[in-house]
Amino acid sequence: DTEKHLIAQIKELNKQLEVSQQLRKVGEERFEAAPKARLIIVANRLPVTPRRTREGDAWRFDRSSGGLVSAFLGVKNMEISWLGWVGCQVAPEEQAQVTEQLAKQTPFPCYPVYLEADMADHFYNGFCNNVLWPLLHYIPLSMLDSQASVAELQWQSYQSANMAFCDAVMALQLSDSDYVWVQDYHLMLLPKMLRERASQMSIGWFLHTPFMTSEMYRTLPHREEILRGVLGADLVGFHIYDYARHFHVSCSRVLGTGGTEGITEGNEGIFDHASRRSIAVDAFPIGIDPSRFEEMLETAPVKDKIIDLQRRFDGKKVLLGIDRLDYV
């Protein structure tokens, strides 16, 4: 009986595999047949940072650090453009020149967002990194009344910065086949802002950090506005299922949203009663492109470095750690 049961299970799994392969084949054929779509990545920072040349009469563009650029280098089937804050102050009379140069950058054409110095400071160093970042990593917020006025200024700057990003996206004059993919906790209000100005726009939002439990989330000021902002997207993504579940529960307890079937099997989405929309929520672990690392291993500088390390640490055990030097 046990053997028959196992054989029946194997046959059922084979059927499911065949169906899955057929669906994937159909999806790939549809994608190839469709017009080439454009993916607009909207992130806090551009993949390059403008800097003054040594002479001071021109601009150069240095590649920014971070894994977000690497995550998109393997995308082959879509034209990618990148919109983000320049990360520095550019005089108004020079912005046209910088904008023109950024549009020619590789591997992605770049479109800059210019923020005033005070707004950028209260937005990025204030609300993003003093409020959202700690709470997302389970660090409780300060309850000191003396910080209330500062926190309100930071929130206003967060709203203004998200609106500046919204204006910049709308200025691109996107087509119906384009996709806007908003990145991370810096831009949690942006999906709703875009939805209000272009109701048919295809919008995704992805969080690159953990998402805390609903108990922690409910200590966040302006928690309703932030969740409403994210729910302006069609698809909300997280690294792992636990973060997606925490988000789902937070929406249910703070906003009173309901559940709905998502776009993938086993994925439960969110029904937002206020907007009468269904939003898909799922986990999408970001990997790497192994072929790029394999190619780098074959380059002369890397081979020389390997030989050097083998000589220096011959006969020793080496423990390597790569950790961020911040309070998280």
Protein backbone atom coordinates (compact mmCIF):
# COMPACT_ATOMS: atom_id res chain seq x y z
CA ASP A 1 0.00 0.00 0.00
CA THR A 2 2.81 2.38 0.86
CA GLU A 3 4.55 1.62 -2.44
CA LYS A 4 1.35 2.23 -4.42
CA HIS A 5 0.82 5.50 -2.58
CA LEU A 6 4.36 6.67 -3.41
CA ILE A 7 3.95 5.71 -7.08
CA ALA A 8 0.67 7.66 -7.23
CA GLN A 9 2.37 10.71 -5.68
CA ILE A 10 5.24 10.52 -8.20
CA LYS A 11 2.78 10.35 -11.11
CA GLU A 12 0.89 13.36 -9.76
CA LEU A 13 4.12 15.35 -9.37
CA ASN A 14 5.09 14.49 -12.96
CA LYS A 15 1.74 15.80 -14.18
CA GLN A 16 2.22 19.04 -12.23
CA LEU A 17 5.72 19.41 -13.67
CA GLU A 18 4.44 18.95 -17.23
CA VAL A 19 1.72 21.56 -16.69
CA SER A 20 4.24 23.98 -15.19
CA GLN A 21 6.62 23.53 -18.13
CA GLN A 22 3.81 24.11 -20.62
CA LEU A 23 2.70 27.28 -18.84
CA ARG A 24 6.27 28.57 -18.76
CA LYS A 25 6.68 27.87 -22.49
CA VAL A 26 3.47 29.75 -23.29
CA GLY A 27 4.58 32.66 -21.11
CA GLU A 28 7.97 32.86 -22.82
CA GLU A 29 6.34 32.79 -26.26
CA ARG A 30 3.99 35.61 -25.28
CA PHE A 31 6.87 37.65 -23.91
CA GLU A 32 8.96 37.23 -27.04
CA ALA A 33 6.00 38.08 -29.26
CA ALA A 34 5.19 41.26 -27.34
CA PRO A 35 6.77 44.59 -28.30
CA LYS A 36 10.04 45.26 -26.48
CA ALA A 37 9.01 46.79 -23.17
CA ARG A 38 10.98 49.35 -21.20
CA LEU A 39 11.70 48.89 -17.50
CA ILE A 40 12.07 52.12 -15.53
CA ILE A 41 13.96 51.50 -12.30
CA VAL A 42 13.18 54.21 -9.76
CA ALA A 43 15.62 54.20 -6.85
CA ASN A 44 16.86 56.65 -4.27
CA ARG A 45 20.23 56.90 -6.01
CA LEU A 46 21.45 56.64 -9.57
CA PRO A 47 23.94 53.88 -10.48
CA VAL A 48 26.48 56.67 -11.04
CA THR A 49 27.42 59.72 -8.96
CA PRO A 50 28.27 63.06 -10.64
CA ARG A 51 31.53 64.60 -9.41
CA ARG A 52 33.51 67.66 -10.39
CA THR A 53 36.65 67.05 -12.40
CA ARG A 54 39.93 68.15 -10.83
CA GLU A 55 39.92 71.26 -12.99
CA GLY A 56 36.41 72.09 -11.78
CA ASP A 57 35.05 73.01 -15.19
CA ALA A 58 33.32 69.71 -16.05
CA TRP A 59 31.59 66.67 -14.55
CA ARG A 60 32.64 63.05 -14.38
CA PHE A 61 30.43 60.13 -13.39
CA ASP A 62 31.69 57.44 -11.02
CA ARG A 63 29.97 54.06 -10.65
CA SER A 64 28.05 53.92 -7.37
CA SER A 65 28.61 51.05 -4.96
CA GLY A 66 25.81 48.62 -4.13
CA GLY A 67 24.24 45.41 -5.30
CA LEU A 68 21.21 46.91 -7.04
CA VAL A 69 23.14 47.60 -10.26
CA SER A 70 24.50 44.04 -10.35
CA ALA A 71 21.00 42.64 -9.88
CA PHE A 72 19.83 44.22 -13.14
CA LEU A 73 22.90 43.60 -15.31
CA GLY A 74 21.58 40.15 -16.22
CA VAL A 75 18.29 41.45 -17.65
CA LYS A 76 18.49 40.87 -21.39
CA ASN A 77 14.92 41.06 -22.72
CA MET A 78 14.03 44.60 -21.67
CA GLU A 79 15.38 48.06 -22.28
CA ILE A 80 16.30 49.51 -18.88
CA SER A 81 16.33 53.13 -17.80
CA TRP A 82 17.20 54.36 -14.32
CA LEU A 83 15.75 57.33 -12.45
CA GLY A 84 17.16 58.52 -9.14
CA TRP A 85 18.56 61.32 -7.01
CA VAL A 86 21.95 62.57 -8.18
CA GLY A 87 23.33 62.38 -4.64
CA CYS A 88 24.92 65.83 -4.69
CA GLN A 89 24.04 69.46 -5.27
CA VAL A 90 24.07 70.66 -8.87
CA ALA A 91 23.60 74.37 -9.58
CA PRO A 92 20.39 75.12 -11.54
CA GLU A 93 22.38 76.53 -14.45
CA GLU A 94 24.32 73.25 -14.74
CA GLN A 95 21.43 70.81 -14.40
CA ALA A 96 20.67 70.70 -18.14
CA GLN A 97 24.29 69.73 -18.89
CA VAL A 98 24.35 67.02 -16.21
CA THR A 99 20.97 65.67 -17.34
CA GLU A 100 22.17 65.42 -20.94
CA GLN A 101 25.36 63.60 -19.94
CA LEU A 102 23.52 61.17 -17.65
CA ALA A 103 21.16 60.14 -20.46
CA LYS A 104 24.20 58.76 -22.31
CA GLN A 105 25.53 56.70 -19.41
CA THR A 106 26.04 52.93 -19.65
CA PRO A 107 24.92 50.29 -18.88
CA PHE A 108 21.65 52.20 -18.33
CA PRO A 109 20.43 55.63 -19.50
CA CYS A 110 19.99 57.69 -16.33
CA TYR A 111 17.44 60.37 -15.49
CA PRO A 112 18.27 62.56 -12.48
CA VAL A 113 16.10 63.90 -9.68
CA TYR A 114 17.41 67.13 -8.16
CA LEU A 115 16.60 67.78 -4.48
CA GLU A 116 17.35 70.91 -2.49
CA ALA A 117 20.05 70.42 0.15
CA ASP A 118 17.80 70.79 3.22
CA MET A 119 15.08 68.58 1.75
CA ALA A 120 17.61 65.91 0.78
CA ASP A 121 19.10 65.93 4.30
CA HIS A 122 15.76 65.65 6.14
CA PHE A 123 14.49 63.10 3.61
CA TYR A 124 17.51 60.79 3.45
CA ASN A 125 19.42 61.26 6.71
CA GLY A 126 16.23 62.11 8.58
CA PHE A 127 13.08 60.13 7.86
CA CYS A 128 14.68 57.35 5.79
CA ASN A 129 17.67 56.53 7.98
CA ASN A 130 16.50 57.86 11.36
CA VAL A 131 12.94 56.55 11.32
CA LEU A 132 12.27 53.88 8.69
CA TRP A 133 15.63 52.07 8.62
CA PRO A 134 15.87 51.44 12.40
CA LEU A 135 12.24 50.34 12.70
CA LEU A 136 12.49 47.96 9.73
CA HIS A 137 15.37 46.32 11.63
CA TYR A 138 13.45 46.12 14.94
CA ILE A 139 15.11 49.11 16.60
CA PRO A 140 12.38 51.01 18.52
CA LEU A 141 11.86 54.69 17.76
CA SER A 142 12.69 57.39 20.30
CA MET A 143 9.68 58.64 22.26
CA LEU A 144 11.23 62.00 23.28
CA ASP A 145 8.81 64.92 22.83
CA SER A 146 11.77 67.17 22.01
CA GLN A 147 12.17 65.32 18.73
CA ALA A 148 8.55 65.72 17.63
CA SER A 149 9.08 68.93 15.64
CA VAL A 150 12.15 67.49 13.92
CA ALA A 151 10.29 64.29 13.06
CA GLU A 152 7.45 66.29 11.48
CA LEU A 153 9.92 68.25 9.34
CA GLN A 154 11.52 64.98 8.25
CA TRP A 155 8.11 63.57 7.32
CA GLN A 156 7.27 66.66 5.26
CA SER A 157 10.59 66.32 3.44
CA TYR A 158 9.90 62.63 2.81
CA GLN A 159 6.58 63.55 1.21
CA SER A 160 8.15 66.33 -0.87
CA ALA A 161 11.00 64.11 -2.06
CA ASN A 162 8.59 61.36 -3.12
CA MET A 163 6.56 63.95 -5.05
CA ALA A 164 9.74 65.15 -6.77
CA PHE A 165 10.37 61.57 -7.90
CA CYS A 166 6.76 61.35 -9.09
CA ASP A 167 7.15 64.50 -11.20
CA ALA A 168 10.36 63.12 -12.70
CA VAL A 169 8.72 59.80 -13.65
CA MET A 170 5.73 61.52 -15.23
CA ALA A 171 8.08 63.73 -17.27
CA LEU A 172 9.39 60.60 -19.04
CA GLN A 173 6.07 60.28 -20.94
CA LEU A 174 5.88 56.50 -20.59
CA SER A 175 3.97 54.24 -22.97
CA ASP A 176 1.39 51.63 -21.97
CA SER A 177 3.95 48.83 -22.44
CA ASP A 178 6.46 50.34 -19.98
CA TYR A 179 6.93 49.11 -16.41
CA VAL A 180 7.88 51.28 -13.43
CA TRP A 181 9.70 49.43 -10.66
CA VAL A 182 10.08 51.46 -7.46
CA GLN A 183 12.85 50.41 -5.09
CA ASP A 184 13.04 50.33 -1.31
CA TYR A 185 11.90 52.22 1.77
CA HIS A 186 12.97 55.63 0.49
CA LEU A 187 10.01 55.71 -1.91
CA MET A 188 7.09 54.10 -0.08
CA LEU A 189 4.69 56.92 -0.99
CA LEU A 190 5.59 56.98 -4.68
CA PRO A 191 3.40 54.11 -6.01
CA LYS A 192 0.19 55.81 -4.84
CA MET A 193 1.32 59.19 -6.17
CA LEU A 194 1.95 57.64 -9.58
CA ARG A 195 -1.34 55.74 -9.50
CA GLU A 196 -3.27 58.96 -8.87
CA ARG A 197 -1.72 60.58 -11.94
CA ALA A 198 -1.67 57.56 -14.27
CA SER A 199 -4.26 54.99 -13.21
CA GLN A 200 -3.25 52.41 -15.86
CA MET A 201 0.50 52.54 -15.18
CA SER A 202 2.18 49.17 -14.43
CA ILE A 203 3.89 49.71 -11.06
CA GLY A 204 5.97 47.41 -8.88
CA TRP A 205 7.59 48.09 -5.50
CA PHE A 206 10.35 46.02 -3.92
CA LEU A 207 11.82 46.25 -0.42
CA HIS A 208 15.52 45.44 -0.02
CA THR A 209 15.41 45.24 3.80
CA PRO A 210 13.41 43.16 6.27
CA PHE A 211 9.82 44.19 6.98
CA MET A 212 9.04 44.21 10.68
CA THR A 213 6.10 42.56 12.43
CA SER A 214 2.78 44.39 12.67
CA GLU A 215 3.40 45.05 16.39
CA MET A 216 6.54 47.02 15.51
CA TYR A 217 4.98 48.64 12.46
CA ARG A 218 2.11 50.10 14.49
CA THR A 219 4.61 52.27 16.41
CA LEU A 220 5.47 54.12 13.18
CA PRO A 221 4.06 57.64 12.79
CA HIS A 222 2.06 58.13 9.57
CA ARG A 223 1.78 54.36 9.29
CA GLU A 224 -1.51 54.50 7.36
CA GLU A 225 -0.21 56.92 4.72
CA ILE A 226 2.88 54.80 4.16
CA LEU A 227 0.95 51.56 3.66
CA ARG A 228 -1.50 53.34 1.35
CA GLY A 229 1.48 54.59 -0.62
CA VAL A 230 2.87 51.10 -1.17
CA LEU A 231 -0.56 49.71 -2.09
CA GLY A 232 -0.59 51.98 -5.12
CA ALA A 233 1.59 49.33 -6.79
CA ASP A 234 0.28 46.35 -8.76
CA LEU A 235 2.95 44.04 -7.34
CA VAL A 236 4.70 44.32 -3.97
CA GLY A 237 7.84 42.25 -3.50
CA PHE A 238 10.06 41.17 -0.60
CA HIS A 239 13.16 39.00 -0.22
CA ILE A 240 11.49 36.22 1.75
CA TYR A 241 7.99 35.01 2.61
CA ASP A 242 8.18 36.12 6.27
CA TYR A 243 8.56 39.78 5.23
CA ALA A 244 5.63 39.49 2.82
CA ARG A 245 3.50 37.96 5.58
CA HIS A 246 4.42 40.74 8.03
CA PHE A 247 3.40 43.32 5.42
CA HIS A 248 0.12 41.52 4.77
CA VAL A 249 -0.73 41.41 8.49
CA SER A 250 0.23 45.08 8.95
CA CYS A 251 -2.12 46.08 6.12
CA SER A 252 -4.90 43.99 7.64
CA ARG A 253 -4.53 45.40 11.16
CA VAL A 254 -3.77 49.03 10.27
CA LEU A 255 -5.94 49.48 7.16
CA GLY A 256 -8.47 46.66 7.46
CA THR A 257 -7.56 45.22 4.07
CA GLY A 258 -8.74 41.78 3.01
CA GLY A 259 -7.06 38.85 1.28
CA THR A 260 -7.38 37.77 -2.32
CA GLU A 261 -5.79 35.20 -4.59
CA GLY A 262 -2.52 36.46 -6.02
CA ILE A 263 -0.99 36.04 -9.44
CA THR A 264 0.98 32.92 -8.55
CA GLU A 265 -0.09 29.62 -7.04
CA GLY A 266 0.02 29.73 -3.26
CA ASN A 267 0.46 33.52 -3.20
CA GLU A 268 -2.12 35.51 -1.25
CA GLY A 269 -2.54 39.10 -2.35
CA ILE A 270 -4.25 42.07 -0.72
CA PHE A 271 -7.62 43.63 -1.52
CA ASP A 272 -7.61 47.35 -0.71
CA HIS A 273 -11.20 48.39 0.04
CA ALA A 274 -10.37 52.10 -0.25
CA SER A 275 -9.15 51.90 -3.86
CA ARG A 276 -11.16 48.77 -4.80
CA ARG A 277 -7.97 47.21 -6.16
CA SER A 278 -6.21 43.87 -5.73
CA ILE A 279 -2.46 43.98 -5.14
CA ALA A 280 -0.23 40.94 -5.56
CA VAL A 281 2.28 40.35 -2.75
CA ASP A 282 5.06 37.78 -3.03
CA ALA A 283 8.67 36.91 -2.19
CA PHE A 284 11.37 37.28 -4.86
CA PRO A 285 14.87 36.45 -3.56
CA ILE A 286 17.46 38.38 -5.58
CA GLY A 287 20.34 36.25 -6.80
CA ILE A 288 23.49 36.94 -8.78
CA ASP A 289 24.67 36.23 -12.32
CA PRO A 290 27.17 33.35 -11.76
CA SER A 291 28.66 33.67 -15.25
CA ARG A 292 29.96 37.18 -14.49
CA PHE A 293 31.85 35.90 -11.44
CA GLU A 294 33.19 32.91 -13.36
CA GLU A 295 34.51 35.24 -16.06
CA MET A 296 36.17 37.45 -13.44
CA LEU A 297 37.93 34.41 -11.97
CA GLU A 298 39.68 33.90 -15.30
CA THR A 299 41.11 37.42 -15.49
CA ALA A 300 44.82 38.00 -14.82
CA PRO A 301 44.42 40.43 -11.86
CA VAL A 302 42.14 38.01 -10.00
CA LYS A 303 44.43 35.03 -10.65
CA ASP A 304 47.42 37.06 -9.40
CA LYS A 305 45.50 38.02 -6.26
CA ILE A 306 44.57 34.38 -5.60
CA ILE A 307 48.24 33.35 -5.82
CA ASP A 308 49.21 36.21 -3.49
CA LEU A 309 46.60 35.20 -0.89
CA GLN A 310 47.64 31.55 -1.08
CA ARG A 311 51.24 32.52 -0.33
CA ARG A 312 50.34 34.90 2.50
CA PHE A 313 48.03 32.49 4.30
CA ASP A 314 49.67 29.17 3.47
CA GLY A 315 48.94 26.65 6.22
CA LYS A 316 46.44 28.94 7.96
CA LYS A 317 42.66 28.89 8.22
CA VAL A 318 41.04 32.13 7.09
CA LEU A 319 37.67 33.39 8.33
CA LEU A 320 36.11 36.11 6.17
CA GLY A 321 33.25 38.37 7.19
CA ILE A 322 31.62 41.18 5.21
CA ASP A 323 29.58 43.33 7.57
CA ARG A 324 28.13 46.83 7.46
CA LEU A 325 29.63 49.20 10.02
CA ASP A 326 26.40 50.74 11.29
CA TYR A 327 24.15 50.32 14.31
CA VAL A 328 22.23 47.51 12.66
